[in-house]
Amino acid sequence: MLKTLIFANNSLIIQIIEDSEATLLFNSAEYLFLFICIIIALLIMMLIPAILCFSMIDNFFNINKFKKEIDTRICTSDIIHYSEYTKCTCDKYLKSCSNFVKNFTGLAAWNIFSLAYIITGFDNFKTGLIEYFRFPFNVFNSLNSDAILNSIKSFSSNWLSMFTIIVLTLIFTLLGKYIGNTMGKERMKLRGLI
């Protein structure tokens, strides 16, 4: 009987140790997942304006390149207006116009809504501007394995504002794509290419 009791007691101790290791492993995986999600969210927040700006500049140069090609090769030559070359060049021009306006409206929306957040969310403009750009770094500094959830909770109003800015930027980016496509088609109609 004593051997059975000792064996049962040892089994119980082993089971408790295994459960705590499993819980620790699960918590570690949960914290790692949250950490990765937070890092990705912060990178997206910081990179959206830069990506929109560089894409807008690239598409501006593409518009000029295809406009020059249309002016010098298509509109002044005897190429049949609906040849494959003309269609391909016009499609590239339309895509560049659409992407330029898309990126421009997205960047404008990002700046306008960020400015509105800075003005309305803080006591004065200078403090708001500093805190706006300091937010990702404050989150990075507050992250540790014990307080990931506390980091999310302590910056909850900032997270909500930044998420709202991102969603509004995406909506205006999609609207800009539609407007840019329409503007490009109107320019092509004026040249008699559509």
C-alpha atoms as a PDB file:
ATOM      1  CA  MET A   1       0.000   0.000   0.000  1.00  0.00           C
ATOM      2  CA  LEU A   2       2.835   2.378   0.854  1.00  0.00           C
ATOM      3  CA  LYS A   3       4.517   1.673  -2.513  1.00  0.00           C
ATOM      4  CA  THR A   4       1.265   2.441  -4.334  1.00  0.00           C
ATOM      5  CA  LEU A   5       0.851   5.707  -2.440  1.00  0.00           C
ATOM      6  CA  ILE A   6       4.442   6.791  -3.178  1.00  0.00           C
ATOM      7  CA  PHE A   7       4.027   5.847  -6.854  1.00  0.00           C
ATOM      8  CA  ALA A   8       0.724   7.751  -7.076  1.00  0.00           C
ATOM      9  CA  ASN A   9       2.279  10.742  -5.330  1.00  0.00           C
ATOM     10  CA  ASN A  10       5.249  10.735  -7.754  1.00  0.00           C
ATOM     11  CA  SER A  11       2.894  10.449 -10.741  1.00  0.00           C
ATOM     12  CA  LEU A  12       0.935  13.422  -9.482  1.00  0.00           C
ATOM     13  CA  ILE A  13       4.117  15.491  -9.094  1.00  0.00           C
ATOM     14  CA  ILE A  14       5.251  14.531 -12.612  1.00  0.00           C
ATOM     15  CA  GLN A  15       1.814  15.435 -14.004  1.00  0.00           C
ATOM     16  CA  ILE A  16       1.886  18.853 -12.278  1.00  0.00           C
ATOM     17  CA  ILE A  17       5.361  19.552 -13.670  1.00  0.00           C
ATOM     18  CA  GLU A  18       4.304  18.541 -17.190  1.00  0.00           C
ATOM     19  CA  ASP A  19       1.175  20.724 -16.991  1.00  0.00           C
ATOM     20  CA  SER A  20       3.169  23.767 -15.902  1.00  0.00           C
ATOM     21  CA  GLU A  21       5.679  23.229 -18.719  1.00  0.00           C
ATOM     22  CA  ALA A  22       2.839  22.933 -21.222  1.00  0.00           C
ATOM     23  CA  THR A  23       1.254  26.111 -19.875  1.00  0.00           C
ATOM     24  CA  LEU A  24       4.592  27.903 -20.044  1.00  0.00           C
ATOM     25  CA  LEU A  25       5.131  26.709 -23.596  1.00  0.00           C
ATOM     26  CA  PHE A  26       1.617  27.772 -24.605  1.00  0.00           C
ATOM     27  CA  ASN A  27       2.068  31.202 -22.988  1.00  0.00           C
ATOM     28  CA  SER A  28       5.419  31.619 -24.721  1.00  0.00           C
ATOM     29  CA  ALA A  29       3.882  30.773 -28.091  1.00  0.00           C
ATOM     30  CA  GLU A  30       1.005  33.158 -27.402  1.00  0.00           C
ATOM     31  CA  TYR A  31       3.389  35.984 -26.460  1.00  0.00           C
ATOM     32  CA  LEU A  32       5.573  35.298 -29.485  1.00  0.00           C
ATOM     33  CA  PHE A  33       2.529  35.446 -31.770  1.00  0.00           C
ATOM     34  CA  LEU A  34       1.352  38.718 -30.179  1.00  0.00           C
ATOM     35  CA  PHE A  35       4.855  40.162 -30.404  1.00  0.00           C
ATOM     36  CA  ILE A  36       5.117  39.300 -34.109  1.00  0.00           C
ATOM     37  CA  CYS A  37       1.647  40.749 -34.802  1.00  0.00           C
ATOM     38  CA  ILE A  38       2.506  43.979 -32.987  1.00  0.00           C
ATOM     39  CA  ILE A  39       5.798  44.331 -34.851  1.00  0.00           C
ATOM     40  CA  ILE A  40       4.073  43.742 -38.210  1.00  0.00           C
ATOM     41  CA  ALA A  41       1.337  46.257 -37.356  1.00  0.00           C
ATOM     42  CA  LEU A  42       3.895  48.872 -36.360  1.00  0.00           C
ATOM     43  CA  LEU A  43       5.935  48.321 -39.513  1.00  0.00           C
ATOM     44  CA  ILE A  44       2.829  48.640 -41.665  1.00  0.00           C
ATOM     45  CA  MET A  45       1.883  51.876 -39.881  1.00  0.00           C
ATOM     46  CA  MET A  46       5.335  53.322 -40.423  1.00  0.00           C
ATOM     47  CA  LEU A  47       5.811  52.126 -44.014  1.00  0.00           C
ATOM     48  CA  ILE A  48       2.447  53.000 -45.592  1.00  0.00           C
ATOM     49  CA  PRO A  49       3.257  56.688 -46.189  1.00  0.00           C
ATOM     50  CA  ALA A  50       6.731  55.910 -47.531  1.00  0.00           C
ATOM     51  CA  ILE A  51       5.439  53.229 -49.901  1.00  0.00           C
ATOM     52  CA  LEU A  52       2.634  55.489 -51.137  1.00  0.00           C
ATOM     53  CA  CYS A  53       5.078  58.352 -51.718  1.00  0.00           C
ATOM     54  CA  PHE A  54       7.649  56.297 -53.620  1.00  0.00           C
ATOM     55  CA  SER A  55       4.954  54.581 -55.690  1.00  0.00           C
ATOM     56  CA  MET A  56       3.386  57.931 -56.519  1.00  0.00           C
ATOM     57  CA  ILE A  57       6.718  59.328 -57.716  1.00  0.00           C
ATOM     58  CA  ASP A  58       7.414  56.192 -59.782  1.00  0.00           C
ATOM     59  CA  ASN A  59       3.987  56.351 -61.418  1.00  0.00           C
ATOM     60  CA  PHE A  60       4.434  60.066 -62.141  1.00  0.00           C
ATOM     61  CA  PHE A  61       7.542  59.266 -64.174  1.00  0.00           C
ATOM     62  CA  ASN A  62       5.734  56.369 -65.880  1.00  0.00           C
ATOM     63  CA  ILE A  63       2.862  58.678 -66.863  1.00  0.00           C
ATOM     64  CA  ASN A  64       5.311  61.103 -68.463  1.00  0.00           C
ATOM     65  CA  LYS A  65       7.144  58.280 -70.228  1.00  0.00           C
ATOM     66  CA  PHE A  66       3.988  56.772 -71.720  1.00  0.00           C
ATOM     67  CA  LYS A  67       2.539  60.205 -72.524  1.00  0.00           C
ATOM     68  CA  LYS A  68       5.698  61.049 -74.463  1.00  0.00           C
ATOM     69  CA  GLU A  69       5.519  57.691 -76.231  1.00  0.00           C
ATOM     70  CA  ILE A  70       1.886  58.308 -77.158  1.00  0.00           C
ATOM     71  CA  ASP A  71       2.673  61.844 -78.363  1.00  0.00           C
ATOM     72  CA  THR A  72       5.731  60.926 -80.434  1.00  0.00           C
ATOM     73  CA  ARG A  73       5.015  57.426 -81.726  1.00  0.00           C
ATOM     74  CA  ILE A  74       1.290  56.806 -81.749  1.00  0.00           C
ATOM     75  CA  CYS A  75      -0.454  60.112 -82.408  1.00  0.00           C
ATOM     76  CA  THR A  76       2.056  61.319 -85.030  1.00  0.00           C
ATOM     77  CA  SER A  77       2.605  58.091 -86.950  1.00  0.00           C
ATOM     78  CA  ASP A  78       0.548  56.055 -89.370  1.00  0.00           C
ATOM     79  CA  ILE A  79       0.175  53.130 -86.976  1.00  0.00           C
ATOM     80  CA  ILE A  80      -3.325  51.747 -87.028  1.00  0.00           C
ATOM     81  CA  HIS A  81      -4.990  53.219 -83.964  1.00  0.00           C
ATOM     82  CA  TYR A  82      -6.104  49.896 -82.574  1.00  0.00           C
ATOM     83  CA  SER A  83      -2.940  47.874 -83.058  1.00  0.00           C
ATOM     84  CA  GLU A  84      -1.536  45.690 -80.288  1.00  0.00           C
ATOM     85  CA  TYR A  85       1.299  48.174 -79.655  1.00  0.00           C
ATOM     86  CA  THR A  86      -1.154  51.054 -79.239  1.00  0.00           C
ATOM     87  CA  LYS A  87      -3.399  49.024 -76.946  1.00  0.00           C
ATOM     88  CA  CYS A  88      -0.460  47.920 -74.787  1.00  0.00           C
ATOM     89  CA  THR A  89       0.917  51.467 -74.496  1.00  0.00           C
ATOM     90  CA  CYS A  90      -2.514  52.906 -73.702  1.00  0.00           C
ATOM     91  CA  ASP A  91      -3.120  50.218 -71.070  1.00  0.00           C
ATOM     92  CA  LYS A  92       0.216  51.024 -69.411  1.00  0.00           C
ATOM     93  CA  TYR A  93      -0.628  54.729 -69.496  1.00  0.00           C
ATOM     94  CA  LEU A  94      -4.057  54.107 -67.943  1.00  0.00           C
ATOM     95  CA  LYS A  95      -2.544  51.899 -65.248  1.00  0.00           C
ATOM     96  CA  SER A  96       0.088  54.532 -64.433  1.00  0.00           C
ATOM     97  CA  CYS A  97      -2.582  57.272 -64.231  1.00  0.00           C
ATOM     98  CA  SER A  98      -4.751  55.112 -62.020  1.00  0.00           C
ATOM     99  CA  ASN A  99      -1.877  54.166 -59.716  1.00  0.00           C
ATOM    100  CA  PHE A 100      -0.593  57.746 -59.503  1.00  0.00           C
ATOM    101  CA  VAL A 101      -3.962  59.153 -58.447  1.00  0.00           C
ATOM    102  CA  LYS A 102      -4.507  56.141 -56.149  1.00  0.00           C
ATOM    103  CA  ASN A 103      -1.212  56.729 -54.351  1.00  0.00           C
ATOM    104  CA  PHE A 104      -1.702  60.506 -54.305  1.00  0.00           C
ATOM    105  CA  THR A 105      -5.156  60.277 -52.712  1.00  0.00           C
ATOM    106  CA  GLY A 106      -3.941  57.629 -50.275  1.00  0.00           C
ATOM    107  CA  LEU A 107      -0.991  59.780 -49.210  1.00  0.00           C
ATOM    108  CA  ALA A 108      -3.185  62.888 -48.980  1.00  0.00           C
ATOM    109  CA  ALA A 109      -5.724  60.970 -46.874  1.00  0.00           C
ATOM    110  CA  TRP A 110      -2.965  59.636 -44.605  1.00  0.00           C
ATOM    111  CA  ASN A 111      -1.615  63.148 -44.061  1.00  0.00           C
ATOM    112  CA  ILE A 112      -5.028  64.784 -43.565  1.00  0.00           C
ATOM    113  CA  PHE A 113      -6.300  62.172 -41.116  1.00  0.00           C
ATOM    114  CA  SER A 114      -2.978  62.069 -39.260  1.00  0.00           C
ATOM    115  CA  LEU A 115      -3.061  65.852 -38.962  1.00  0.00           C
ATOM    116  CA  ALA A 116      -6.662  65.710 -37.718  1.00  0.00           C
ATOM    117  CA  TYR A 117      -5.631  63.115 -35.114  1.00  0.00           C
ATOM    118  CA  ILE A 118      -2.669  65.227 -33.993  1.00  0.00           C
ATOM    119  CA  ILE A 119      -4.802  68.367 -33.679  1.00  0.00           C
ATOM    120  CA  THR A 120      -7.768  66.758 -31.926  1.00  0.00           C
ATOM    121  CA  GLY A 121      -6.008  64.091 -29.868  1.00  0.00           C
ATOM    122  CA  PHE A 122      -3.452  66.218 -28.044  1.00  0.00           C
ATOM    123  CA  ASP A 123      -3.289  69.461 -26.074  1.00  0.00           C
ATOM    124  CA  ASN A 124      -1.101  71.283 -28.575  1.00  0.00           C
ATOM    125  CA  PHE A 125       0.262  70.615 -32.037  1.00  0.00           C
ATOM    126  CA  LYS A 126       3.912  70.246 -31.031  1.00  0.00           C
ATOM    127  CA  THR A 127       3.156  67.631 -28.368  1.00  0.00           C
ATOM    128  CA  GLY A 128       0.833  65.795 -30.744  1.00  0.00           C
ATOM    129  CA  LEU A 129       3.431  65.696 -33.499  1.00  0.00           C
ATOM    130  CA  ILE A 130       6.105  64.394 -31.144  1.00  0.00           C
ATOM    131  CA  GLU A 131       3.810  61.746 -29.658  1.00  0.00           C
ATOM    132  CA  TYR A 132       2.517  60.721 -33.098  1.00  0.00           C
ATOM    133  CA  PHE A 133       5.993  59.872 -34.347  1.00  0.00           C
ATOM    134  CA  ARG A 134       7.133  58.536 -30.975  1.00  0.00           C
ATOM    135  CA  PHE A 135       4.208  56.070 -30.692  1.00  0.00           C
ATOM    136  CA  PRO A 136       5.823  53.103 -32.532  1.00  0.00           C
ATOM    137  CA  PHE A 137       9.036  53.492 -30.558  1.00  0.00           C
ATOM    138  CA  ASN A 138       7.151  53.755 -27.254  1.00  0.00           C
ATOM    139  CA  VAL A 139       5.382  50.500 -28.102  1.00  0.00           C
ATOM    140  CA  PHE A 140       8.711  48.839 -28.985  1.00  0.00           C
ATOM    141  CA  ASN A 141      10.186  50.002 -25.677  1.00  0.00           C
ATOM    142  CA  SER A 142       7.208  48.772 -23.659  1.00  0.00           C
ATOM    143  CA  LEU A 143       7.226  45.257 -25.098  1.00  0.00           C
ATOM    144  CA  ASN A 144       8.513  42.514 -22.853  1.00  0.00           C
ATOM    145  CA  SER A 145       7.423  38.959 -22.237  1.00  0.00           C
ATOM    146  CA  ASP A 146       5.520  39.830 -19.062  1.00  0.00           C
ATOM    147  CA  ALA A 147       3.493  42.764 -20.281  1.00  0.00           C
ATOM    148  CA  ILE A 148       2.600  42.334 -23.942  1.00  0.00           C
ATOM    149  CA  LEU A 149      -1.103  42.564 -23.190  1.00  0.00           C
ATOM    150  CA  ASN A 150      -0.475  45.558 -20.934  1.00  0.00           C
ATOM    151  CA  SER A 151       1.392  47.246 -23.790  1.00  0.00           C
ATOM    152  CA  ILE A 152      -1.611  46.793 -26.038  1.00  0.00           C
ATOM    153  CA  LYS A 153      -4.006  48.087 -23.359  1.00  0.00           C
ATOM    154  CA  SER A 154      -1.895  51.100 -22.413  1.00  0.00           C
ATOM    155  CA  PHE A 155      -1.793  52.301 -26.031  1.00  0.00           C
ATOM    156  CA  SER A 156      -5.360  51.287 -26.925  1.00  0.00           C
ATOM    157  CA  SER A 157      -6.518  54.775 -27.953  1.00  0.00           C
ATOM    158  CA  ASN A 158      -3.420  55.206 -30.118  1.00  0.00           C
ATOM    159  CA  TRP A 159      -3.958  51.790 -31.705  1.00  0.00           C
ATOM    160  CA  LEU A 160      -7.571  52.630 -32.477  1.00  0.00           C
ATOM    161  CA  SER A 161      -6.644  55.988 -33.996  1.00  0.00           C
ATOM    162  CA  MET A 162      -3.847  54.514 -36.097  1.00  0.00           C
ATOM    163  CA  PHE A 163      -6.063  51.678 -37.283  1.00  0.00           C
ATOM    164  CA  THR A 164      -8.756  54.204 -38.249  1.00  0.00           C
ATOM    165  CA  ILE A 165      -6.194  56.243 -40.192  1.00  0.00           C
ATOM    166  CA  ILE A 166      -5.063  53.098 -42.036  1.00  0.00           C
ATOM    167  CA  VAL A 167      -8.630  52.060 -42.920  1.00  0.00           C
ATOM    168  CA  LEU A 168      -9.527  55.549 -44.152  1.00  0.00           C
ATOM    169  CA  THR A 169      -6.307  55.665 -46.169  1.00  0.00           C
ATOM    170  CA  LEU A 170      -7.179  52.352 -47.828  1.00  0.00           C
ATOM    171  CA  ILE A 171     -10.698  53.580 -48.640  1.00  0.00           C
ATOM    172  CA  PHE A 172      -9.369  56.772 -50.224  1.00  0.00           C
ATOM    173  CA  THR A 173      -6.695  54.785 -52.057  1.00  0.00           C
ATOM    174  CA  LEU A 174      -9.371  52.620 -53.670  1.00  0.00           C
ATOM    175  CA  LEU A 175     -11.420  55.708 -54.490  1.00  0.00           C
ATOM    176  CA  GLY A 176      -8.317  57.300 -56.028  1.00  0.00           C
ATOM    177  CA  LYS A 177      -7.745  54.242 -58.207  1.00  0.00           C
ATOM    178  CA  TYR A 178     -11.238  54.615 -59.661  1.00  0.00           C
ATOM    179  CA  ILE A 179     -10.820  58.380 -60.175  1.00  0.00           C
ATOM    180  CA  GLY A 180      -7.390  57.917 -61.778  1.00  0.00           C
ATOM    181  CA  ASN A 181      -8.705  55.300 -64.179  1.00  0.00           C
ATOM    182  CA  THR A 182     -11.559  57.616 -65.188  1.00  0.00           C
ATOM    183  CA  MET A 183      -9.174  60.555 -65.667  1.00  0.00           C
ATOM    184  CA  GLY A 184      -6.835  58.448 -67.796  1.00  0.00           C
ATOM    185  CA  LYS A 185      -9.697  57.270 -70.004  1.00  0.00           C
ATOM    186  CA  GLU A 186     -10.861  60.860 -70.499  1.00  0.00           C
ATOM    187  CA  ARG A 187      -7.363  61.879 -71.591  1.00  0.00           C
ATOM    188  CA  MET A 188      -7.260  58.955 -74.018  1.00  0.00           C
ATOM    189  CA  LYS A 189     -10.675  59.938 -75.442  1.00  0.00           C
ATOM    190  CA  LEU A 190      -9.418  63.473 -76.064  1.00  0.00           C
ATOM    191  CA  ARG A 191      -6.611  62.013 -78.172  1.00  0.00           C
ATOM    192  CA  GLY A 192      -8.982  59.725 -80.025  1.00  0.00           C
ATOM    193  CA  LEU A 193      -7.321  56.543 -78.796  1.00  0.00           C
ATOM    194  CA  ILE A 194     -10.342  55.021 -77.082  1.00  0.00           C
END
